[in-house]
Amino acid sequence: MQKTGTVLTPSLIAIVGFLTVCPVVMLLIGSFTEGLSAFGSFTTAKYFQAYTDPAFADILLNTAIFTLGSAFVSTVLALFLAYLNTRTNIPFKFLFKIMSLIPMMVPHILFAVSWALLLNPSNGMLNLLLREVFGMEGGGFNIYTLQGMILVEGLLDLPIAYLVIAPAMSSFDVSLEESSRVCGANNLRTLFRVTLPVLRPAILAAATLVIVRSLASFAVPSVIGMPGRIYVLATHIYRVVATGYAPDYGLAAAVGMSALVASITLIYLYRRLTREGEKYVTISSRGYRPTVIDLKGAKYPLFAIVGLLSFVLIVLPIIVLVYTSLVPYSMVPSARAFAAMDWRHWTAVLADPISLLSLRNSLYLGVGGATLGIVLSFFVAYVIVKVRTKASGLLESLSFLSFSFPGIVVGIGFMWFFVQTPLYATIWALLIGYIATYLPYGIRPLTSAFVQIHSHLEESSRVSGGGAFYTMRRIVIPLLVPGIVSGWILMATMFVRELSLSVVLSRPGTEVLAVQILRFSEDGLWGRLSALGIIMIAISTTLVVIATWIGQRLTKVNQ
């Protein structure tokens, strides 16, 4: 098996290197090129045009405020929830697991749209309610602001920050806190003088990861920022290539280099912080049990806050979308609204050829793309874990490089490549771009699964006369079924909901669900958008259920 892995490694390095390095190289070349039709004609004019634009300073400032503000909201809320979950006796702790997983299944564009439906200043449901109840003229809430963008993005990235902070919160020795209390410090002083300083690397790592995610975010800035004329790097790039009569891909590439450099720097900082966190590991070898603080009278008020957050993150977006898909126009929930409900928006979507085409393309990319992606992830993970050479280390670095690339920037890089090939404006361009962007989502669970398989099992098969592929088919793959299913689910759901890469690479005939939903949003067709959004969520949920069922069946067969 070692020999097989050694043979595989160069091929995998070539494939993964193409997927991750190609868009970066093409982006760099494109940034020094006049346009798609003038490839190879180098100039620095695009950089001069990009960075001398008087509006660019405001865009950079908006980007900084948006990313830092989102990181602050996510990290503070995640710290609050992680502390309640690991350090207190708050009831119904299963809610924390739900909050950390389920929101990832709701496409970001639909979450952003649900908030726009609630709080847009003209006909948002909550604003309409305030006008009816209090007779307000204008005023009310306006989600189309920088503060609105920060709130929605912060809530979206809360699960990511929580998954980083919660394990660290429960991993240090209780004697540190006990010593603080013995010295007379109360719970609050112990929290700020002992617990939080020990958690500093994890907190900074979570904040850095959220900054990376918000820098790459396109759904919130497009749905909430653009109607309010608030532009960040992602939407500025989108305007350059998707609006006007002559898209300027050279200018977009020059601007994209800024986002790419910033994102790679942040990922490097994140990895340094996570390694730094190892110095703060304080679990001792004796029986470990985290200190549980009795919240007393604050137990149920705090649980109410957690319940409200769960409602806002999980239930509210679905309710708003379902309701909006059934009413003829934006209406406050009332007897009149319920009487007016019908299926007109659903009928319109199901009769719309572009919506049906986007549905078919997303299904093809979700099922077929995830299957191809998990096959590649399988071999990459095998070489990373089982073939410990410098070449496998290079493969590991290449395979996780794309995690730091903003989707819209990767899309610009691939655009410069695909336009030189027959792949341009085909579904294959989207397929390659998706796999390149989300390959780490397939590799991560498989590397974890491979680590659990002891090499003695493979050696026993080889001693008994089993060849490399026989051992892989009869020994390794059956044991990897849970990891394969997890990776496939992650990739399939990401492919179905993908937006930022798709807005650049999608062309007439290759529309996908997220792009069609964005177009409905730009046209103000909220009912059709909501109906198509519910279909998207149903597809993602169905794929998860079917994949989980198949995984369970295969696991039983192999036992």
Protein backbone atom coordinates (compact mmCIF):
# COMPACT_ATOMS: atom_id res chain seq x y z
CA MET A 1 0.00 0.00 0.00
CA GLN A 2 2.90 2.31 0.73
CA LYS A 3 4.22 1.71 -2.79
CA THR A 4 0.79 2.39 -4.31
CA GLY A 5 0.57 5.65 -2.36
CA THR A 6 4.02 6.67 -3.53
CA VAL A 7 2.94 6.12 -7.15
CA LEU A 8 -0.29 8.06 -6.60
CA THR A 9 1.35 11.06 -4.97
CA PRO A 10 2.80 12.81 -8.07
CA SER A 11 -0.49 12.48 -9.95
CA LEU A 12 -2.46 13.85 -7.00
CA ILE A 13 -0.02 16.74 -6.56
CA ALA A 14 -0.53 17.61 -10.24
CA ILE A 15 -4.36 17.46 -9.97
CA VAL A 16 -4.68 19.28 -6.66
CA GLY A 17 -1.96 21.74 -7.64
CA PHE A 18 -3.92 22.61 -10.77
CA LEU A 19 -7.14 23.08 -8.80
CA THR A 20 -5.60 25.33 -6.15
CA VAL A 21 -2.65 27.08 -7.80
CA CYS A 22 -4.10 27.56 -11.30
CA PRO A 23 -6.72 30.18 -10.31
CA VAL A 24 -4.13 32.12 -8.30
CA VAL A 25 -1.62 32.16 -11.18
CA MET A 26 -4.32 33.12 -13.69
CA LEU A 27 -5.62 35.81 -11.36
CA LEU A 28 -2.13 37.28 -11.09
CA ILE A 29 -1.62 37.18 -14.87
CA GLY A 30 -5.08 38.59 -15.44
CA SER A 31 -4.43 41.50 -13.12
CA PHE A 32 -1.61 42.59 -15.46
CA THR A 33 -3.71 42.13 -18.62
CA GLU A 34 -5.96 44.62 -20.39
CA GLY A 35 -8.87 42.20 -20.82
CA LEU A 36 -10.00 38.67 -21.66
CA SER A 37 -9.42 39.26 -25.36
CA ALA A 38 -5.92 40.68 -24.79
CA PHE A 39 -4.45 37.82 -22.76
CA GLY A 40 -0.64 38.05 -22.73
CA SER A 41 -0.58 41.81 -23.33
CA PHE A 42 0.81 42.95 -19.99
CA THR A 43 0.15 46.29 -18.33
CA THR A 44 0.04 47.81 -14.85
CA ALA A 45 -2.85 50.07 -15.79
CA LYS A 46 -5.43 47.91 -13.99
CA TYR A 47 -3.65 48.24 -10.66
CA PHE A 48 -3.37 51.98 -11.16
CA GLN A 49 -7.05 52.18 -12.07
CA ALA A 50 -8.12 50.01 -9.12
CA TYR A 51 -6.12 51.67 -6.37
CA THR A 52 -6.47 55.27 -7.48
CA ASP A 53 -10.26 55.06 -7.65
CA PRO A 54 -11.55 57.64 -5.10
CA ALA A 55 -14.30 55.20 -4.03
CA PHE A 56 -11.83 52.40 -3.29
CA ALA A 57 -10.80 53.85 0.09
CA ASP A 58 -14.45 53.76 1.23
CA ILE A 59 -14.77 50.18 -0.03
CA LEU A 60 -11.72 49.12 1.97
CA LEU A 61 -13.05 50.92 5.06
CA ASN A 62 -16.46 49.25 4.66
CA THR A 63 -14.74 45.88 4.26
CA ALA A 64 -12.68 46.39 7.43
CA ILE A 65 -15.69 47.49 9.48
CA PHE A 66 -17.84 44.68 8.11
CA THR A 67 -15.33 41.89 8.74
CA LEU A 68 -14.18 43.12 12.16
CA GLY A 69 -17.74 43.87 13.27
CA SER A 70 -18.97 40.43 12.16
CA ALA A 71 -16.06 38.78 13.97
CA PHE A 72 -16.87 40.72 17.14
CA VAL A 73 -20.57 39.75 17.08
CA SER A 74 -19.85 36.08 16.30
CA THR A 75 -17.03 35.70 18.81
CA VAL A 76 -18.83 37.40 21.70
CA LEU A 77 -21.99 35.35 21.16
CA ALA A 78 -19.98 32.13 20.71
CA LEU A 79 -18.04 32.84 23.91
CA PHE A 80 -21.28 33.49 25.77
CA LEU A 81 -22.91 30.28 24.50
CA ALA A 82 -19.79 28.15 25.01
CA TYR A 83 -19.48 29.33 28.61
CA LEU A 84 -23.13 28.53 29.31
CA ASN A 85 -22.78 25.09 27.73
CA THR A 86 -19.52 23.97 29.34
CA ARG A 87 -19.42 25.84 32.63
CA THR A 88 -23.00 26.20 33.85
CA ASN A 89 -26.03 24.12 34.70
CA ILE A 90 -28.24 25.71 32.05
CA PRO A 91 -31.02 23.25 31.00
CA PHE A 92 -31.55 21.64 27.58
CA LYS A 93 -27.92 21.66 26.52
CA PHE A 94 -28.81 19.71 23.37
CA LEU A 95 -29.82 23.07 21.91
CA PHE A 96 -26.16 24.05 21.69
CA LYS A 97 -25.37 21.12 19.40
CA ILE A 98 -28.35 22.00 17.21
CA MET A 99 -27.25 25.63 17.00
CA SER A 100 -23.74 24.62 15.97
CA LEU A 101 -24.84 22.32 13.12
CA ILE A 102 -28.27 23.12 11.66
CA PRO A 103 -27.60 26.76 10.64
CA MET A 104 -24.85 25.47 8.34
CA MET A 105 -27.54 23.68 6.35
CA VAL A 106 -29.46 26.92 5.60
CA PRO A 107 -27.92 28.64 2.55
CA HIS A 108 -26.49 32.02 3.49
CA ILE A 109 -28.36 33.81 0.74
CA LEU A 110 -31.70 32.57 2.12
CA PHE A 111 -30.78 33.63 5.66
CA ALA A 112 -29.90 37.10 4.36
CA VAL A 113 -33.10 37.26 2.31
CA SER A 114 -35.24 36.35 5.33
CA TRP A 115 -33.83 39.34 7.22
CA ALA A 116 -34.41 41.58 4.20
CA LEU A 117 -38.03 40.39 4.08
CA LEU A 118 -38.43 41.26 7.76
CA LEU A 119 -36.61 44.59 7.98
CA ASN A 120 -36.36 46.22 4.57
CA PRO A 121 -37.53 49.84 5.00
CA SER A 122 -40.24 49.87 2.32
CA ASN A 123 -42.28 46.72 2.90
CA GLY A 124 -40.48 44.61 5.49
CA MET A 125 -43.02 42.62 7.51
CA LEU A 126 -41.84 43.95 10.86
CA ASN A 127 -41.86 47.54 9.57
CA LEU A 128 -45.35 47.06 8.11
CA LEU A 129 -46.49 45.76 11.50
CA LEU A 130 -45.05 48.81 13.27
CA ARG A 131 -46.83 51.12 10.84
CA GLU A 132 -50.15 49.36 11.34
CA VAL A 133 -49.95 49.13 15.12
CA PHE A 134 -48.34 52.49 15.92
CA GLY A 135 -49.26 54.46 12.82
CA MET A 136 -45.61 55.16 12.04
CA GLU A 137 -44.87 56.98 8.81
CA GLY A 138 -41.53 55.80 7.43
CA GLY A 139 -38.83 55.20 10.01
CA GLY A 140 -38.77 51.82 11.62
CA PHE A 141 -35.89 49.45 10.95
CA ASN A 142 -33.60 49.50 7.93
CA ILE A 143 -31.60 46.33 7.33
CA TYR A 144 -29.82 47.89 4.33
CA THR A 145 -27.05 49.39 6.46
CA LEU A 146 -23.54 48.44 7.49
CA GLN A 147 -24.89 47.59 10.95
CA GLY A 148 -27.49 45.31 9.36
CA MET A 149 -24.79 43.54 7.35
CA ILE A 150 -22.70 43.03 10.48
CA LEU A 151 -25.65 41.65 12.46
CA VAL A 152 -26.68 39.11 9.81
CA GLU A 153 -23.12 37.99 8.97
CA GLY A 154 -22.29 37.76 12.67
CA LEU A 155 -25.26 35.46 13.26
CA LEU A 156 -24.37 33.36 10.22
CA ASP A 157 -20.79 32.83 11.39
CA LEU A 158 -21.73 32.22 15.03
CA PRO A 159 -21.67 28.38 14.63
CA ILE A 160 -18.12 28.50 13.23
CA ALA A 161 -16.84 30.57 16.14
CA TYR A 162 -18.68 28.33 18.61
CA LEU A 163 -17.09 25.17 17.20
CA VAL A 164 -13.64 26.71 17.75
CA ILE A 165 -14.24 28.12 21.24
CA ALA A 166 -16.41 25.43 22.87
CA PRO A 167 -13.78 22.65 22.85
CA ALA A 168 -11.15 25.03 24.23
CA MET A 169 -13.57 26.23 26.91
CA SER A 170 -13.87 22.71 28.29
CA SER A 171 -10.20 21.73 27.99
CA PHE A 172 -8.35 23.41 30.84
CA ASP A 173 -7.85 22.18 34.37
CA VAL A 174 -10.49 23.20 36.88
CA SER A 175 -7.78 23.77 39.51
CA LEU A 176 -6.98 27.13 37.86
CA GLU A 177 -10.48 28.41 38.52
CA GLU A 178 -10.61 26.75 41.92
CA SER A 179 -7.41 28.50 42.95
CA SER A 180 -8.88 31.84 41.93
CA ARG A 181 -11.99 31.24 44.04
CA VAL A 182 -9.91 30.10 47.02
CA CYS A 183 -8.13 33.46 46.82
CA GLY A 184 -11.48 35.21 47.17
CA ALA A 185 -12.41 35.95 43.56
CA ASN A 186 -16.07 35.57 42.60
CA ASN A 187 -17.26 33.81 39.42
CA LEU A 188 -17.23 36.97 37.30
CA ARG A 189 -13.71 37.98 38.36
CA THR A 190 -12.49 34.42 37.79
CA LEU A 191 -13.97 34.50 34.31
CA PHE A 192 -12.16 37.70 33.32
CA ARG A 193 -8.88 37.13 35.18
CA VAL A 194 -8.37 33.37 34.65
CA THR A 195 -10.72 31.74 32.13
CA LEU A 196 -10.60 34.30 29.31
CA PRO A 197 -6.80 34.83 29.40
CA VAL A 198 -6.28 31.07 29.09
CA LEU A 199 -8.75 31.03 26.18
CA ARG A 200 -7.09 33.95 24.39
CA PRO A 201 -5.56 31.84 21.55
CA ALA A 202 -8.89 30.11 20.85
CA ILE A 203 -10.80 33.41 20.97
CA LEU A 204 -8.37 35.08 18.58
CA ALA A 205 -8.40 32.03 16.31
CA ALA A 206 -12.22 32.08 16.18
CA ALA A 207 -12.26 35.81 15.44
CA THR A 208 -9.64 35.39 12.71
CA LEU A 209 -11.58 32.55 11.09
CA VAL A 210 -14.77 34.63 11.09
CA ILE A 211 -12.88 37.54 9.50
CA VAL A 212 -11.77 35.16 6.74
CA ARG A 213 -15.33 33.91 6.26
CA SER A 214 -16.83 37.40 6.21
CA LEU A 215 -14.13 38.64 3.82
CA ALA A 216 -15.15 35.85 1.44
CA SER A 217 -18.88 36.37 2.08
CA PHE A 218 -20.97 37.43 -0.90
CA ALA A 219 -24.54 36.57 0.10
CA VAL A 220 -24.94 39.15 2.86
CA PRO A 221 -23.10 42.01 1.10
CA SER A 222 -25.10 41.41 -2.11
CA VAL A 223 -28.58 40.96 -0.60
CA ILE A 224 -28.27 43.52 2.21
CA GLY A 225 -25.34 45.77 1.29
CA MET A 226 -25.92 46.49 -2.40
CA PRO A 227 -29.52 47.79 -2.06
CA GLY A 228 -28.16 50.24 0.53
CA ARG A 229 -25.24 51.17 -1.77
CA ILE A 230 -22.75 49.80 0.76
CA TYR A 231 -20.00 47.98 -1.10
CA VAL A 232 -17.23 45.74 0.19
CA LEU A 233 -14.48 44.03 -1.81
CA ALA A 234 -16.67 41.07 -2.84
CA THR A 235 -19.54 43.18 -4.16
CA HIS A 236 -17.15 45.70 -5.72
CA ILE A 237 -15.61 42.85 -7.74
CA TYR A 238 -19.11 41.65 -8.65
CA ARG A 239 -20.08 45.11 -9.90
CA VAL A 240 -16.96 45.26 -12.06
CA VAL A 241 -17.72 41.96 -13.84
CA ALA A 242 -21.52 41.69 -13.70
CA THR A 243 -22.86 45.20 -14.26
CA GLY A 244 -22.43 47.66 -17.07
CA TYR A 245 -21.91 47.00 -20.77
CA ALA A 246 -18.26 45.93 -20.65
CA PRO A 247 -17.15 43.72 -17.73
CA ASP A 248 -13.55 44.50 -16.83
CA TYR A 249 -11.94 41.24 -15.71
CA GLY A 250 -8.48 42.80 -15.57
CA LEU A 251 -9.69 45.37 -13.04
CA ALA A 252 -11.55 42.65 -11.11
CA ALA A 253 -8.37 40.56 -10.94
CA ALA A 254 -6.35 43.54 -9.67
CA VAL A 255 -8.90 44.17 -6.91
CA GLY A 256 -9.14 40.45 -6.21
CA MET A 257 -5.43 40.29 -5.45
CA SER A 258 -6.07 42.49 -2.40
CA ALA A 259 -8.72 40.12 -1.07
CA LEU A 260 -6.55 37.10 -1.83
CA VAL A 261 -3.47 38.45 -0.04
CA ALA A 262 -5.54 39.51 2.96
CA SER A 263 -7.27 36.11 3.17
CA ILE A 264 -4.04 34.09 2.90
CA THR A 265 -2.43 36.28 5.57
CA LEU A 266 -5.38 35.74 7.90
CA ILE A 267 -5.34 31.98 7.39
CA TYR A 268 -1.63 31.94 8.19
CA LEU A 269 -2.40 33.92 11.36
CA TYR A 270 -5.21 31.48 12.21
CA ARG A 271 -2.90 28.47 11.91
CA ARG A 272 -0.28 30.21 14.06
CA LEU A 273 -2.91 30.93 16.71
CA THR A 274 -4.20 27.36 16.75
CA ARG A 275 -0.63 26.08 17.17
CA GLU A 276 -0.06 28.67 19.89
CA GLY A 277 -3.12 27.31 21.66
CA GLU A 278 -1.30 24.03 22.32
CA LYS A 279 0.86 25.89 24.85
CA TYR A 280 -2.28 26.57 26.87
CA VAL A 281 -3.49 22.96 27.15
CA THR A 282 -4.11 22.42 30.85
CA ILE A 283 -6.03 19.17 31.17
CA SER A 284 -4.25 17.07 33.75
CA SER A 285 -3.94 13.29 33.77
CA ARG A 286 -6.17 12.90 36.80
CA GLY A 287 -9.91 12.52 36.52
CA TYR A 288 -11.10 15.58 34.63
CA ARG A 289 -14.46 17.21 35.10
CA PRO A 290 -15.20 20.84 34.28
CA THR A 291 -16.51 23.00 37.09
CA VAL A 292 -20.26 23.55 36.78
CA ILE A 293 -21.49 26.90 38.03
CA ASP A 294 -24.97 27.07 39.48
CA LEU A 295 -26.82 29.89 37.70
CA LYS A 296 -29.53 29.92 40.38
CA GLY A 297 -32.20 32.50 39.47
CA ALA A 298 -30.49 33.41 36.20
CA LYS A 299 -30.85 29.87 34.82
CA TYR A 300 -34.15 30.28 33.01
CA PRO A 301 -33.70 33.90 31.81
CA LEU A 302 -30.40 32.84 30.22
CA PHE A 303 -32.06 29.78 28.74
CA ALA A 304 -34.70 32.09 27.26
CA ILE A 305 -31.91 34.06 25.56
CA VAL A 306 -30.46 30.83 24.13
CA GLY A 307 -33.91 29.81 22.95
CA LEU A 308 -34.36 33.17 21.25
CA LEU A 309 -31.02 32.79 19.47
CA SER A 310 -32.02 29.29 18.36
CA PHE A 311 -35.28 30.67 17.01
CA VAL A 312 -33.54 33.48 15.13
CA LEU A 313 -30.86 31.18 13.66
CA ILE A 314 -32.96 28.14 12.78
CA VAL A 315 -36.72 28.66 12.81
CA LEU A 316 -37.23 32.29 11.76
CA PRO A 317 -35.60 32.09 8.28
CA ILE A 318 -37.71 29.06 7.33
CA ILE A 319 -40.96 30.57 8.65
CA VAL A 320 -40.39 33.85 6.80
CA LEU A 321 -39.62 32.08 3.53
CA VAL A 322 -42.60 29.72 3.73
CA TYR A 323 -44.96 32.57 4.60
CA THR A 324 -43.64 34.87 1.85
CA SER A 325 -43.92 32.10 -0.75
CA LEU A 326 -47.66 31.80 -0.06
CA VAL A 327 -48.87 35.42 0.18
CA PRO A 328 -49.41 37.46 -3.03
CA TYR A 329 -47.24 40.37 -1.81
CA SER A 330 -45.58 41.58 1.39
CA MET A 331 -48.27 41.48 4.08
CA VAL A 332 -48.33 41.50 7.85
CA PRO A 333 -49.52 38.10 9.15
CA SER A 334 -53.26 38.50 9.70
CA ALA A 335 -56.58 36.87 8.91
CA ARG A 336 -56.63 38.75 5.59
CA ALA A 337 -53.13 37.54 4.74
CA PHE A 338 -53.93 33.90 5.52
CA ALA A 339 -57.11 34.15 3.44
CA ALA A 340 -55.11 35.47 0.50
CA MET A 341 -52.59 32.62 0.53
CA ASP A 342 -52.24 30.59 -2.65
CA TRP A 343 -49.64 28.75 -4.74
CA ARG A 344 -49.13 31.38 -7.43
CA HIS A 345 -45.41 31.88 -6.68
CA TRP A 346 -44.77 28.14 -6.62
CA THR A 347 -46.62 27.71 -9.92
CA ALA A 348 -44.63 30.54 -11.48
CA VAL A 349 -41.31 29.05 -10.35
CA LEU A 350 -42.18 25.53 -11.52
CA ALA A 351 -43.27 26.91 -14.90
CA ASP A 352 -40.17 29.09 -15.30
CA PRO A 353 -37.69 27.36 -17.66
CA ILE A 354 -34.66 29.14 -16.16
CA SER A 355 -35.64 28.13 -12.62
CA LEU A 356 -36.10 24.53 -13.73
CA LEU A 357 -32.75 24.63 -15.53
CA SER A 358 -31.05 26.01 -12.40
CA LEU A 359 -32.69 23.26 -10.37
CA ARG A 360 -31.40 20.57 -12.74
CA ASN A 361 -27.90 22.06 -12.86
CA SER A 362 -27.68 22.31 -9.07
CA LEU A 363 -28.80 18.70 -8.67
CA TYR A 364 -26.22 17.56 -11.21
CA LEU A 365 -23.46 19.55 -9.51
CA GLY A 366 -24.57 18.51 -6.03
CA VAL A 367 -24.77 14.77 -6.70
CA GLY A 368 -22.22 14.29 -9.47
CA GLY A 369 -19.78 16.93 -8.30
CA ALA A 370 -19.78 15.72 -4.70
CA THR A 371 -19.22 12.14 -5.88
CA LEU A 372 -16.22 13.13 -8.00
CA GLY A 373 -14.97 15.37 -5.19
CA ILE A 374 -15.17 12.64 -2.56
CA VAL A 375 -13.32 10.17 -4.81
CA LEU A 376 -10.48 12.67 -5.20
CA SER A 377 -10.64 13.46 -1.47
CA PHE A 378 -10.35 9.75 -0.67
CA PHE A 379 -7.05 9.31 -2.49
CA VAL A 380 -5.67 12.63 -1.25
CA ALA A 381 -6.55 11.78 2.36
CA TYR A 382 -4.99 8.33 1.98
CA VAL A 383 -1.68 9.76 0.77
CA ILE A 384 -1.69 12.47 3.47
CA VAL A 385 -2.23 10.01 6.33
CA LYS A 386 -0.60 6.78 5.14
CA VAL A 387 2.29 8.00 2.98
CA ARG A 388 4.47 10.12 5.22
CA THR A 389 6.90 11.75 2.81
CA LYS A 390 7.82 15.31 1.88
CA ALA A 391 5.68 14.92 -1.24
CA SER A 392 2.63 13.96 0.82
CA GLY A 393 3.29 16.97 3.04
CA LEU A 394 3.27 19.17 -0.07
CA LEU A 395 0.00 17.55 -1.14
CA GLU A 396 -1.54 18.33 2.25
CA SER A 397 -0.51 21.98 2.00
CA LEU A 398 -1.90 22.27 -1.53
CA SER A 399 -5.17 20.54 -0.65
CA PHE A 400 -6.02 23.02 2.11
CA LEU A 401 -4.77 26.11 0.29
CA SER A 402 -8.14 26.80 -1.34
CA PHE A 403 -9.79 27.13 2.07
CA SER A 404 -8.30 30.63 2.31
CA PHE A 405 -9.49 31.76 -1.14
CA PRO A 406 -12.65 33.93 -1.38
CA GLY A 407 -15.03 32.25 -3.82
CA ILE A 408 -15.56 35.26 -6.07
CA VAL A 409 -11.78 35.72 -6.36
CA VAL A 410 -11.29 32.06 -7.28
CA GLY A 411 -14.04 32.54 -9.84
CA ILE A 412 -12.20 35.46 -11.46
CA GLY A 413 -9.00 33.38 -11.60
CA PHE A 414 -10.76 30.42 -13.18
CA MET A 415 -12.53 32.75 -15.61
CA TRP A 416 -9.16 33.83 -16.98
CA PHE A 417 -8.25 30.15 -17.44
CA PHE A 418 -11.53 28.83 -18.83
CA VAL A 419 -11.91 31.60 -21.41
CA GLN A 420 -8.79 30.20 -23.08
CA THR A 421 -10.35 26.71 -23.29
CA PRO A 422 -13.52 25.03 -24.63
CA LEU A 423 -14.71 24.74 -21.00
CA TYR A 424 -15.77 28.39 -20.92
CA ALA A 425 -19.52 28.90 -20.32
CA THR A 426 -20.13 25.18 -19.69
CA ILE A 427 -21.31 23.30 -16.63
CA TRP A 428 -17.88 21.66 -16.48
CA ALA A 429 -16.32 25.00 -15.58
CA LEU A 430 -18.60 25.22 -12.55
CA LEU A 431 -17.86 21.61 -11.63
CA ILE A 432 -14.10 22.15 -11.63
CA GLY A 433 -14.43 25.42 -9.73
CA TYR A 434 -16.66 23.83 -7.07
CA ILE A 435 -14.30 20.91 -6.48
CA ALA A 436 -11.30 23.25 -6.32
CA THR A 437 -13.01 25.49 -3.75
CA TYR A 438 -14.56 22.86 -1.50
CA LEU A 439 -12.02 20.04 -1.69
CA PRO A 440 -10.96 20.59 1.97
CA TYR A 441 -14.53 19.81 3.06
CA GLY A 442 -14.15 16.31 1.65
CA ILE A 443 -10.57 15.75 2.77
CA ARG A 444 -10.98 16.79 6.41
CA PRO A 445 -13.45 14.06 7.53
CA LEU A 446 -11.60 11.42 5.49
CA THR A 447 -8.20 12.23 7.01
CA SER A 448 -9.79 11.91 10.45
CA ALA A 449 -11.26 8.54 9.44
CA PHE A 450 -7.98 7.26 7.95
CA VAL A 451 -6.15 8.09 11.18
CA GLN A 452 -8.43 5.63 13.01
CA ILE A 453 -7.46 2.68 10.75
CA HIS A 454 -4.38 0.95 12.10
CA SER A 455 -1.77 -0.08 9.54
CA HIS A 456 -1.82 -3.63 11.00
CA LEU A 457 -5.14 -4.25 9.25
CA GLU A 458 -3.64 -3.49 5.84
CA GLU A 459 -0.49 -5.48 6.65
CA SER A 460 -2.58 -8.51 7.64
CA SER A 461 -4.40 -8.39 4.32
CA ARG A 462 -1.13 -8.12 2.41
CA VAL A 463 0.41 -11.06 4.34
CA SER A 464 -2.68 -13.10 3.45
CA GLY A 465 -2.10 -12.45 -0.24
CA GLY A 466 -4.41 -9.51 -0.78
CA GLY A 467 -3.30 -6.95 -3.34
CA ALA A 468 -3.40 -3.21 -2.88
CA PHE A 469 -6.80 -2.65 -4.49
CA TYR A 470 -8.30 -5.76 -2.88
CA THR A 471 -7.22 -4.47 0.53
CA MET A 472 -8.62 -1.03 -0.28
CA ARG A 473 -11.96 -2.49 -1.40
CA ARG A 474 -12.44 -5.13 1.31
CA ILE A 475 -10.69 -3.62 4.34
CA VAL A 476 -10.19 0.14 4.08
CA ILE A 477 -13.31 1.43 2.31
CA PRO A 478 -15.83 -0.44 4.54
CA LEU A 479 -14.20 1.11 7.61
CA LEU A 480 -14.29 4.55 6.01
CA VAL A 481 -18.01 4.61 5.23
CA PRO A 482 -18.88 7.16 7.99
CA GLY A 483 -16.09 9.50 6.85
CA ILE A 484 -17.03 9.11 3.19
CA VAL A 485 -20.68 9.87 3.93
CA SER A 486 -19.79 12.90 6.07
CA GLY A 487 -17.48 14.29 3.38
CA TRP A 488 -20.02 13.66 0.62
CA ILE A 489 -22.78 15.39 2.59
CA LEU A 490 -20.60 18.42 3.25
CA MET A 491 -19.58 18.74 -0.40
CA ALA A 492 -23.06 18.11 -1.79
CA THR A 493 -24.73 20.71 0.43
CA MET A 494 -21.98 23.24 -0.33
CA PHE A 495 -22.34 22.63 -4.08
CA VAL A 496 -26.13 23.05 -4.02
CA ARG A 497 -25.95 26.35 -2.11
CA GLU A 498 -22.80 27.81 -3.74
CA LEU A 499 -23.13 31.46 -4.81
CA SER A 500 -19.92 33.50 -4.80
CA LEU A 501 -18.07 31.37 -7.36
CA SER A 502 -21.22 30.81 -9.41
CA VAL A 503 -22.00 34.51 -10.00
CA VAL A 504 -18.72 34.77 -11.94
CA LEU A 505 -18.61 31.44 -13.79
CA SER A 506 -22.33 30.93 -14.46
CA ARG A 507 -23.48 31.81 -17.97
CA PRO A 508 -26.81 31.45 -19.82
CA GLY A 509 -27.54 27.75 -19.84
CA THR A 510 -25.47 27.04 -16.73
CA GLU A 511 -27.58 28.89 -14.14
CA VAL A 512 -27.73 27.37 -10.65
CA LEU A 513 -30.21 27.80 -7.82
CA ALA A 514 -28.24 30.36 -5.81
CA VAL A 515 -27.70 32.59 -8.85
CA GLN A 516 -31.38 32.41 -9.80
CA ILE A 517 -32.34 33.31 -6.22
CA LEU A 518 -29.98 36.30 -6.34
CA ARG A 519 -31.62 37.45 -9.57
CA PHE A 520 -35.06 37.19 -8.01
CA SER A 521 -33.75 39.26 -5.10
CA GLU A 522 -32.37 41.95 -7.41
CA ASP A 523 -35.74 42.08 -9.23
CA GLY A 524 -37.73 42.20 -5.97
CA LEU A 525 -39.58 38.95 -6.77
CA TRP A 526 -39.70 37.90 -3.11
CA GLY A 527 -42.47 35.33 -3.50
CA ARG A 528 -40.73 33.42 -6.27
CA LEU A 529 -37.43 33.74 -4.42
CA SER A 530 -38.95 32.24 -1.27
CA ALA A 531 -40.54 29.34 -3.15
CA LEU A 532 -37.27 28.52 -4.92
CA GLY A 533 -35.41 28.90 -1.62
CA ILE A 534 -37.65 26.35 0.08
CA ILE A 535 -37.00 23.98 -2.83
CA MET A 536 -33.24 24.50 -2.33
CA ILE A 537 -33.49 23.69 1.38
CA ALA A 538 -35.63 20.62 0.58
CA ILE A 539 -33.01 19.38 -1.90
CA SER A 540 -30.16 19.81 0.61
CA THR A 541 -32.16 18.08 3.33
CA THR A 542 -33.14 15.21 1.01
CA LEU A 543 -29.52 14.68 -0.05
CA VAL A 544 -28.44 14.56 3.60
CA VAL A 545 -31.19 12.10 4.55
CA ILE A 546 -30.54 9.78 1.59
CA ALA A 547 -26.76 9.83 2.07
CA THR A 548 -27.13 9.15 5.79
CA TRP A 549 -29.51 6.24 5.13
CA ILE A 550 -27.17 4.73 2.53
CA GLY A 551 -24.24 5.13 4.93
CA GLN A 552 -26.11 3.37 7.71
CA ARG A 553 -27.09 0.52 5.40
CA LEU A 554 -23.51 0.05 4.18
CA THR A 555 -22.22 0.13 7.75
CA LYS A 556 -24.64 -2.63 8.77
CA VAL A 557 -23.70 -4.75 5.73
CA ASN A 558 -20.00 -4.46 6.55
CA GLN A 559 -20.39 -5.29 10.24
